[in-house]
N, C-alpha and C. Protein backbone atom coordinates (compact mmCIF):
# COMPACT_ATOMS: atom_id res chain seq x y z
N UNK A 1 0.93 -1.39 -0.09
CA UNK A 1 0.01 0.21 -0.03
C UNK A 1 0.66 1.34 0.01
N UNK A 2 0.47 2.16 -0.78
CA UNK A 2 1.33 3.29 -0.92
C UNK A 2 1.31 4.15 0.50
N UNK A 3 2.50 4.64 0.87
CA UNK A 3 2.75 5.45 2.08
C UNK A 3 1.87 6.51 2.09
N UNK A 4 1.49 7.34 1.21
CA UNK A 4 0.64 8.42 1.07
C UNK A 4 -0.78 8.19 1.18
N UNK A 5 -1.13 6.95 0.89
CA UNK A 5 -2.55 6.61 0.93
C UNK A 5 -2.74 6.39 2.70
N UNK A 6 -1.78 5.93 3.17
CA UNK A 6 -1.76 5.68 4.83
C UNK A 6 -1.59 6.84 5.40
N UNK A 7 -1.15 7.93 5.10
CA UNK A 7 -1.04 9.04 5.72
C UNK A 7 -2.14 9.69 5.49
N UNK A 8 -3.06 9.79 4.42
CA UNK A 8 -4.12 10.35 4.17
C UNK A 8 -5.33 9.53 4.93
N UNK A 9 -5.22 8.48 5.32
CA UNK A 9 -6.20 7.64 6.29
C UNK A 9 -6.04 8.28 7.58
N UNK A 10 -4.85 8.25 7.88
CA UNK A 10 -4.49 8.70 9.28
C UNK A 10 -4.68 10.09 9.38
N UNK A 11 -4.57 11.03 8.68
CA UNK A 11 -4.98 12.17 8.63
C UNK A 11 -6.32 12.49 8.73
N UNK A 12 -7.28 11.62 7.91
CA UNK A 12 -8.57 11.88 7.96
C UNK A 12 -9.46 11.49 9.33
N UNK A 13 -8.59 10.45 9.70
CA UNK A 13 -8.80 9.81 10.89
C UNK A 13 -8.72 11.00 12.35
N UNK A 14 -7.48 11.61 12.22
CA UNK A 14 -7.29 12.54 13.02
C UNK A 14 -8.14 13.80 13.06
N UNK A 15 -8.34 14.16 11.93
CA UNK A 15 -9.34 15.26 11.68
C UNK A 15 -10.82 14.82 12.06
N UNK A 16 -11.36 13.72 11.96
CA UNK A 16 -12.46 13.45 12.65
C UNK A 16 -12.63 12.79 14.07
N UNK A 17 -11.51 12.98 14.64
CA UNK A 17 -11.28 12.63 15.93
C UNK A 17 -11.53 11.06 16.34
N UNK A 18 -11.12 10.10 15.19
CA UNK A 18 -11.51 8.67 15.19
C UNK A 18 -10.06 8.26 15.83
N UNK A 19 -9.92 7.35 16.80
CA UNK A 19 -8.86 6.94 17.32
C UNK A 19 -8.25 5.88 16.26
N UNK A 20 -7.00 5.66 16.76
CA UNK A 20 -6.10 4.63 15.55
C UNK A 20 -6.61 3.21 16.12
N UNK A 21 -6.75 3.11 17.46
CA UNK A 21 -7.17 1.71 17.97
C UNK A 21 -8.44 1.63 18.82
N UNK A 22 -8.89 0.43 19.09
CA UNK A 22 -10.03 0.24 19.91
C UNK A 22 -11.27 -0.11 19.20
N UNK A 23 -12.39 -0.45 19.65
CA UNK A 23 -13.33 -0.88 19.15
C UNK A 23 -13.97 0.16 17.99
N UNK A 24 -13.76 1.30 18.03
CA UNK A 24 -14.33 2.28 16.95
C UNK A 24 -13.14 2.85 16.49
N UNK A 25 -12.08 2.47 16.53
CA UNK A 25 -10.72 2.95 16.03
C UNK A 25 -10.71 2.73 14.45
N UNK A 26 -9.54 3.10 13.83
CA UNK A 26 -9.25 3.25 12.59
C UNK A 26 -8.91 1.89 12.17
N UNK A 27 -8.22 0.98 12.78
CA UNK A 27 -7.63 -0.26 12.39
C UNK A 27 -9.03 -1.32 12.38
N UNK A 28 -9.59 -1.02 13.27
CA UNK A 28 -10.73 -1.91 13.67
C UNK A 28 -12.00 -1.81 12.23
N UNK A 29 -11.97 -0.38 11.97
CA UNK A 29 -12.86 -0.25 10.84
C UNK A 29 -12.15 -0.86 9.38
N UNK A 30 -10.86 -0.51 9.37
CA UNK A 30 -10.24 -0.80 8.17
C UNK A 30 -10.33 -2.45 8.07
N UNK A 31 -10.02 -3.26 9.13
CA UNK A 31 -9.87 -4.62 9.02
C UNK A 31 -11.37 -5.07 8.63
N UNK A 32 -12.41 -4.47 9.09
CA UNK A 32 -13.90 -4.90 8.82
C UNK A 32 -13.96 -4.62 7.35
N UNK A 33 -13.69 -3.37 7.05
CA UNK A 33 -14.04 -3.03 5.55
C UNK A 33 -13.26 -3.97 4.77
N UNK A 34 -12.08 -4.28 4.84
CA UNK A 34 -10.97 -5.25 3.99
C UNK A 34 -11.83 -6.71 4.04
N UNK A 35 -12.33 -7.18 5.31
CA UNK A 35 -12.88 -8.46 5.06
C UNK A 35 -14.21 -8.67 4.49
N UNK A 36 -14.90 -7.63 4.68
CA UNK A 36 -16.19 -7.67 4.00
C UNK A 36 -16.09 -7.42 2.58
N UNK A 37 -15.13 -6.78 2.01
CA UNK A 37 -14.83 -6.77 0.74
C UNK A 37 -14.52 -8.19 0.22
N UNK A 38 -13.58 -8.67 0.72
CA UNK A 38 -12.90 -9.94 0.36
C UNK A 38 -13.85 -10.90 0.39
N UNK A 39 -14.81 -10.91 1.44
CA UNK A 39 -16.01 -11.81 1.39
C UNK A 39 -17.00 -11.78 0.36
N UNK A 40 -17.17 -10.38 0.04
CA UNK A 40 -18.14 -10.17 -1.30
C UNK A 40 -17.30 -10.60 -2.43
N UNK A 41 -16.41 -10.59 -2.78
CA UNK A 41 -15.47 -11.04 -3.84
C UNK A 41 -15.56 -12.44 -4.07
N UNK A 42 -15.10 -13.23 -2.98
CA UNK A 42 -15.55 -14.60 -2.90
C UNK A 42 -16.85 -15.02 -3.28
N UNK A 43 -17.83 -14.38 -2.76
CA UNK A 43 -19.14 -14.75 -2.91
C UNK A 43 -19.48 -14.72 -4.51
N UNK A 44 -19.00 -13.52 -5.05
CA UNK A 44 -19.19 -13.30 -6.49
C UNK A 44 -18.32 -14.02 -7.39
N UNK A 45 -17.26 -14.65 -6.98
CA UNK A 45 -16.58 -15.62 -7.90
C UNK A 45 -17.15 -16.79 -7.75
N UNK A 46 -17.69 -17.39 -6.50
CA UNK A 46 -18.48 -18.57 -6.27
C UNK A 46 -19.78 -18.70 -7.08
N UNK A 47 -20.41 -17.55 -7.15
CA UNK A 47 -21.65 -17.75 -7.59
C UNK A 47 -21.56 -17.38 -9.22
N UNK A 48 -20.62 -16.53 -9.76
CA UNK A 48 -20.57 -16.28 -11.08
C UNK A 48 -21.25 -15.08 -11.79
N UNK A 49 -21.71 -14.17 -10.60
CA UNK A 49 -22.23 -13.12 -11.05
C UNK A 49 -22.38 -11.95 -9.85
N UNK A 50 -22.38 -10.51 -10.32
CA UNK A 50 -22.20 -9.69 -9.41
C UNK A 50 -23.48 -9.43 -8.31
N UNK A 51 -23.44 -8.79 -7.06
CA UNK A 51 -24.22 -8.80 -6.30
C UNK A 51 -25.45 -8.02 -7.07
N UNK A 52 -26.67 -8.15 -6.77
CA UNK A 52 -27.80 -7.15 -7.27
C UNK A 52 -27.96 -7.72 -8.70
N UNK A 53 -27.35 -8.50 -9.36
CA UNK A 53 -27.49 -8.70 -10.74
C UNK A 53 -28.58 -9.85 -10.85
N UNK A 54 -29.48 -9.51 -11.71
CA UNK A 54 -30.65 -10.21 -12.02
C UNK A 54 -30.58 -11.74 -12.47
N UNK A 55 -29.17 -11.79 -12.94
CA UNK A 55 -28.76 -13.00 -13.68
C UNK A 55 -28.83 -14.32 -12.39
N UNK A 56 -28.73 -14.04 -11.17
CA UNK A 56 -28.96 -14.90 -10.20
C UNK A 56 -30.37 -15.15 -9.65
N UNK A 57 -31.20 -14.46 -10.18
CA UNK A 57 -32.61 -14.72 -9.54
C UNK A 57 -33.27 -15.78 -9.97
N UNK A 58 -33.74 -16.81 -9.16
CA UNK A 58 -34.48 -17.91 -9.49
C UNK A 58 -33.43 -18.97 -10.10
N UNK A 59 -32.12 -18.95 -9.96
CA UNK A 59 -31.26 -19.95 -10.50
C UNK A 59 -30.93 -21.21 -9.52
N UNK A 60 -31.64 -20.85 -8.37
CA UNK A 60 -31.13 -22.03 -7.38
C UNK A 60 -29.73 -21.83 -6.65
N UNK A 61 -29.01 -20.82 -7.02
CA UNK A 61 -28.15 -20.55 -6.63
C UNK A 61 -27.74 -19.04 -6.22
N UNK A 62 -28.24 -18.58 -5.45
CA UNK A 62 -28.42 -17.19 -5.40
C UNK A 62 -28.26 -16.45 -3.88
N UNK A 63 -27.90 -15.52 -3.87
CA UNK A 63 -27.45 -14.78 -2.71
C UNK A 63 -28.89 -14.55 -1.89
N UNK A 64 -28.83 -14.99 -0.53
CA UNK A 64 -30.02 -15.18 0.17
C UNK A 64 -29.93 -13.89 1.18
N UNK A 65 -29.35 -12.98 1.34
CA UNK A 65 -29.19 -11.85 2.03
C UNK A 65 -28.49 -12.27 3.32
């Protein structure tokens, strides 16, 4: 990851008053976001279509919420 991107995230967190660590901290929020995106990408790959794509409706192999 580019150092300037990390610096921008840290600066935004500081400006917003978001702590770096803790339950509502930047590290926890970033970890959650990365894991959710990875899981969505894995589901898309497994099913063969993007989220909200009508191709999956009624296929018997669809996202169920």
